[in-house]
Amino acid sequence: MALRDEILTVNLILTRRCNLRCSYCRIIKNYDEYVAPAFQSAIKTLSDWKEIISTIYSLNPYVFLIFTGGEVLTAFPFGDFVELVRWLGQFASSIRPIPYAFISNSLLLTESKARKLVEAGLLNWSTSVDSLEEIPFDKDIDKKSHAGLKWLLWFKEHGVKDLVAIITCTKANYHEAPEIIRRLSNLGIWTEVTVIDQPKSFFYDFAETVDPSLLFTPDDLPEVKKVFEECARLKEQG
């Protein structure tokens, strides 16, 4: 199979419900008016998702699944979420040893729940770490950053193979990205960097509906370029 000709990544939105109200999230700002009505009729059960995923893998066994939300831990009763983790393990192979990623804010985890995920064979956990310092402009972003780091370290200690910290950059925190990458890399944790930008629709996650002081302007580009060049150097260094 010529992999370059195949769809290799599929994003599956398990839910748009969320336990947080982060300031840079357009979905939450438009949830009641636009998002909830649209997704109400699209709510899937665990059985529905198993059927969808089985169909995807039958078409391409190499595909990588990204489960996102909203908050993925609100998509099902927790027992069903554990069953999904256990069931997904069958799709791991030498070609795709980590067949999926769960993107979560981690705030709904407890040690008991985390242990059940590990016992079910959890292979990946991806979570927000927007800053290593206090984030005064948004308490929810601050809470999920600290929870994200806590649970990444916990999962690492308990043998989860693939751990990713997602850094969402705004004008307030982008300068921290290289240090976050450096420190987490030293701990054996991968990082992924994204930014808030112009929305494509009411269903687009990060948007300009935030405080204008958090948005990048053309005048910021030289400094932003330096920061991301440093991030690229860290990637080259492994």
Protein backbone atom coordinates (compact mmCIF):
# COMPACT_ATOMS: atom_id res chain seq x y z
CA MET A 1 0.00 0.00 0.00
CA ALA A 2 1.34 3.42 -0.95
CA LEU A 3 0.84 5.24 2.34
CA ARG A 4 1.30 8.67 0.79
CA ASP A 5 -1.91 8.11 -1.18
CA GLU A 6 -3.98 7.18 1.86
CA ILE A 7 -5.85 9.15 4.50
CA LEU A 8 -3.66 8.53 7.53
CA THR A 9 -5.40 10.60 10.22
CA VAL A 10 -9.08 10.79 11.13
CA ASN A 11 -10.44 13.19 13.76
CA LEU A 12 -13.47 11.88 15.63
CA ILE A 13 -15.45 14.40 17.69
CA LEU A 14 -16.95 12.25 20.45
CA THR A 15 -18.87 15.15 21.97
CA ARG A 16 -18.99 18.94 22.11
CA ARG A 17 -19.92 18.94 25.81
CA CYS A 18 -17.21 20.28 28.09
CA ASN A 19 -16.65 20.83 31.80
CA LEU A 20 -14.65 24.03 31.15
CA ARG A 21 -15.31 27.45 29.63
CA CYS A 22 -11.90 28.47 28.32
CA SER A 23 -11.75 32.02 27.05
CA TYR A 24 -10.22 31.13 23.67
CA CYS A 25 -12.80 28.46 22.80
CA ARG A 26 -15.31 29.60 20.19
CA ILE A 27 -17.36 26.42 20.60
CA ILE A 28 -18.15 27.18 24.23
CA LYS A 29 -18.99 30.80 23.45
CA ASN A 30 -21.54 29.64 20.84
CA TYR A 31 -22.55 26.37 22.50
CA ASP A 32 -26.17 27.04 23.44
CA GLU A 33 -27.14 28.88 20.26
CA TYR A 34 -25.31 26.91 17.56
CA VAL A 35 -23.35 23.92 18.77
CA ALA A 36 -25.72 22.08 21.10
CA PRO A 37 -28.66 21.99 18.63
CA ALA A 38 -26.41 20.74 15.84
CA PHE A 39 -24.80 17.98 17.89
CA GLN A 40 -27.89 16.90 19.83
CA SER A 41 -29.08 14.75 16.94
CA ALA A 42 -25.57 13.43 16.31
CA ILE A 43 -24.89 11.93 19.75
CA LYS A 44 -23.44 8.43 19.35
CA THR A 45 -23.38 5.50 21.74
CA LEU A 46 -20.31 3.35 22.34
CA SER A 47 -21.78 0.74 19.98
CA ASP A 48 -22.21 3.39 17.28
CA TRP A 49 -18.57 4.47 17.62
CA LYS A 50 -17.31 0.88 17.51
CA GLU A 51 -19.16 0.38 14.23
CA ILE A 52 -17.76 3.63 12.79
CA ILE A 53 -14.21 2.81 13.86
CA SER A 54 -14.42 -0.75 12.54
CA THR A 55 -15.52 0.61 9.16
CA ILE A 56 -12.63 3.10 9.11
CA TYR A 57 -10.06 0.41 9.89
CA SER A 58 -11.56 -1.94 7.31
CA LEU A 59 -10.91 0.73 4.69
CA ASN A 60 -7.42 1.59 5.94
CA PRO A 61 -5.74 -0.43 8.73
CA TYR A 62 -2.95 2.15 8.96
CA VAL A 63 -5.12 5.10 9.90
CA PHE A 64 -4.47 7.05 13.13
CA LEU A 65 -7.54 8.12 15.10
CA ILE A 66 -7.70 11.33 17.12
CA PHE A 67 -10.57 11.46 19.62
CA THR A 68 -11.51 14.96 20.63
CA GLY A 69 -14.40 17.08 21.91
CA GLY A 70 -15.51 19.06 23.87
CA GLU A 71 -14.13 16.94 26.67
CA VAL A 72 -13.84 13.26 25.68
CA LEU A 73 -14.51 12.05 29.24
CA THR A 74 -18.04 13.50 29.03
CA ALA A 75 -18.93 11.51 25.91
CA PHE A 76 -19.99 8.29 27.68
CA PRO A 77 -20.44 6.86 31.15
CA PHE A 78 -16.90 6.22 32.39
CA GLY A 79 -17.31 2.44 32.19
CA ASP A 80 -18.03 2.75 28.46
CA PHE A 81 -14.94 4.95 28.03
CA VAL A 82 -12.81 2.26 29.69
CA GLU A 83 -14.36 -0.34 27.37
CA LEU A 84 -13.50 1.85 24.36
CA VAL A 85 -9.87 1.99 25.49
CA ARG A 86 -9.79 -1.79 25.95
CA TRP A 87 -11.45 -2.42 22.58
CA LEU A 88 -9.13 -0.04 20.69
CA GLY A 89 -6.09 -2.02 21.82
CA GLN A 90 -6.81 -4.67 19.21
CA PHE A 91 -5.91 -2.21 16.44
CA ALA A 92 -2.33 -1.73 17.68
CA SER A 93 0.22 -3.34 15.34
CA SER A 94 3.87 -3.19 14.37
CA ILE A 95 2.93 -0.66 11.68
CA ARG A 96 0.72 1.44 13.97
CA PRO A 97 1.77 0.63 17.56
CA ILE A 98 -0.17 3.62 18.89
CA PRO A 99 -3.39 3.63 16.85
CA TYR A 100 -5.12 6.54 18.56
CA ALA A 101 -4.88 9.69 20.67
CA PHE A 102 -7.34 10.96 23.26
CA ILE A 103 -7.34 14.74 23.72
CA SER A 104 -8.61 15.70 27.17
CA ASN A 105 -8.33 18.54 29.68
CA SER A 106 -7.78 15.81 32.35
CA LEU A 107 -9.76 17.60 35.05
CA LEU A 108 -12.33 14.82 35.33
CA LEU A 109 -9.68 12.20 36.08
CA THR A 110 -9.20 10.71 39.52
CA GLU A 111 -6.56 8.18 40.52
CA SER A 112 -9.19 5.43 40.50
CA LYS A 113 -10.31 6.34 36.98
CA ALA A 114 -6.74 6.68 35.73
CA ARG A 115 -5.86 3.23 37.10
CA LYS A 116 -8.83 1.71 35.28
CA LEU A 117 -7.64 3.28 32.02
CA VAL A 118 -4.14 1.91 32.53
CA GLU A 119 -5.51 -1.54 33.37
CA ALA A 120 -7.57 -1.39 30.16
CA GLY A 121 -4.35 -0.87 28.17
CA LEU A 122 -4.35 2.90 27.59
CA LEU A 123 -1.74 3.69 24.93
CA ASN A 124 -2.03 7.49 24.58
CA TRP A 125 -3.08 10.49 26.63
CA SER A 126 -2.90 14.00 25.16
CA THR A 127 -3.75 16.96 27.33
CA SER A 128 -3.38 20.72 27.62
CA VAL A 129 -0.32 22.33 29.18
CA ASP A 130 -0.57 25.97 28.12
CA SER A 131 1.77 27.26 30.81
CA LEU A 132 4.00 26.13 33.65
CA GLU A 133 3.20 29.34 35.52
CA GLU A 134 -0.05 30.79 36.86
CA ILE A 135 -2.44 31.99 34.12
CA PRO A 136 -4.22 34.99 35.64
CA PHE A 137 -6.42 35.84 32.65
CA ASP A 138 -8.34 32.53 32.64
CA LYS A 139 -8.85 30.27 35.66
CA ASP A 140 -10.08 27.34 33.54
CA ILE A 141 -6.98 27.38 31.32
CA ASP A 142 -4.86 27.61 34.45
CA LYS A 143 -6.62 24.64 36.05
CA LYS A 144 -6.35 22.39 32.99
CA SER A 145 -2.67 23.21 32.47
CA HIS A 146 -1.79 22.11 35.99
CA ALA A 147 -4.07 19.05 35.80
CA GLY A 148 -2.63 18.15 32.41
CA LEU A 149 0.94 18.12 33.66
CA LYS A 150 -0.03 16.19 36.79
CA TRP A 151 -1.73 13.40 34.86
CA LEU A 152 0.91 13.17 32.14
CA LEU A 153 3.49 12.52 34.85
CA TRP A 154 1.16 10.04 36.57
CA PHE A 155 0.53 8.10 33.35
CA LYS A 156 4.26 8.07 32.59
CA GLU A 157 4.95 6.60 36.02
CA HIS A 158 2.35 3.92 35.32
CA GLY A 159 3.71 2.88 31.94
CA VAL A 160 1.52 4.61 29.33
CA LYS A 161 3.60 4.61 26.14
CA ASP A 162 2.59 7.79 24.32
CA LEU A 163 2.08 11.04 26.24
CA VAL A 164 1.54 14.43 24.60
CA ALA A 165 1.26 17.93 26.07
CA ILE A 166 -0.72 20.29 23.82
CA ILE A 167 0.32 23.94 24.06
CA THR A 168 -2.29 26.41 22.77
CA CYS A 169 -0.41 29.63 22.18
CA THR A 170 -1.83 33.10 22.69
CA LYS A 171 -0.01 36.40 22.88
CA ALA A 172 0.07 35.95 26.66
CA ASN A 173 1.92 32.63 26.77
CA TYR A 174 3.63 31.87 23.44
CA HIS A 175 7.03 32.91 24.82
CA GLU A 176 6.80 29.97 27.24
CA ALA A 177 6.56 27.35 24.49
CA PRO A 178 10.32 26.58 24.18
CA GLU A 179 10.72 26.16 27.94
CA ILE A 180 7.64 23.94 28.18
CA ILE A 181 8.96 21.81 25.31
CA ARG A 182 12.43 21.62 26.87
CA ARG A 183 11.22 20.64 30.32
CA LEU A 184 8.64 18.11 29.16
CA SER A 185 11.02 16.56 26.65
CA ASN A 186 13.45 15.98 29.49
CA LEU A 187 10.63 14.13 31.25
CA GLY A 188 9.97 11.96 28.17
CA ILE A 189 6.75 13.72 27.18
CA TRP A 190 6.01 14.84 23.62
CA THR A 191 4.63 18.30 22.88
CA GLU A 192 2.31 19.65 20.21
CA VAL A 193 1.93 23.37 19.57
CA THR A 194 -1.16 25.11 18.20
CA VAL A 195 -2.31 28.74 18.11
CA ILE A 196 -5.60 30.61 18.19
CA ASP A 197 -6.50 31.96 14.77
CA GLN A 198 -9.38 33.07 12.56
CA PRO A 199 -12.50 30.91 12.87
CA LYS A 200 -13.97 29.09 9.90
CA SER A 201 -17.36 28.56 11.51
CA PHE A 202 -19.18 28.43 14.83
CA PHE A 203 -17.88 24.87 15.19
CA TYR A 204 -14.21 25.87 14.92
CA ASP A 205 -12.36 25.50 18.19
CA PHE A 206 -10.02 28.47 18.63
CA ALA A 207 -11.10 31.88 17.42
CA GLU A 208 -10.89 35.66 17.58
CA THR A 209 -13.83 35.92 19.95
CA VAL A 210 -11.34 36.19 22.81
CA ASP A 211 -9.86 39.25 24.46
CA PRO A 212 -8.02 41.11 21.66
CA SER A 213 -4.98 41.37 23.91
CA LEU A 214 -4.47 37.61 23.46
CA LEU A 215 -4.41 37.76 19.66
CA PHE A 216 -1.30 38.05 17.54
CA THR A 217 -0.86 41.05 15.25
CA PRO A 218 1.50 41.61 12.31
CA ASP A 219 3.78 43.57 14.63
CA ASP A 220 4.26 40.42 16.71
CA LEU A 221 5.55 38.31 13.83
CA PRO A 222 9.31 38.91 14.25
CA GLU A 223 9.26 37.85 17.90
CA VAL A 224 6.84 34.99 17.25
CA LYS A 225 9.14 33.75 14.49
CA LYS A 226 12.10 33.69 16.89
CA VAL A 227 10.13 31.69 19.44
CA PHE A 228 8.96 29.10 16.94
CA GLU A 229 12.40 28.82 15.37
CA GLU A 230 13.62 27.93 18.86
CA CYS A 231 10.86 25.31 19.08
CA ALA A 232 12.02 23.89 15.73
CA ARG A 233 15.62 23.70 17.00
CA LEU A 234 14.45 21.77 20.03
CA LYS A 235 12.63 19.34 17.74
CA GLU A 236 15.79 18.82 15.67
CA GLN A 237 17.71 18.09 18.87
CA GLY A 238 15.18 15.38 19.70
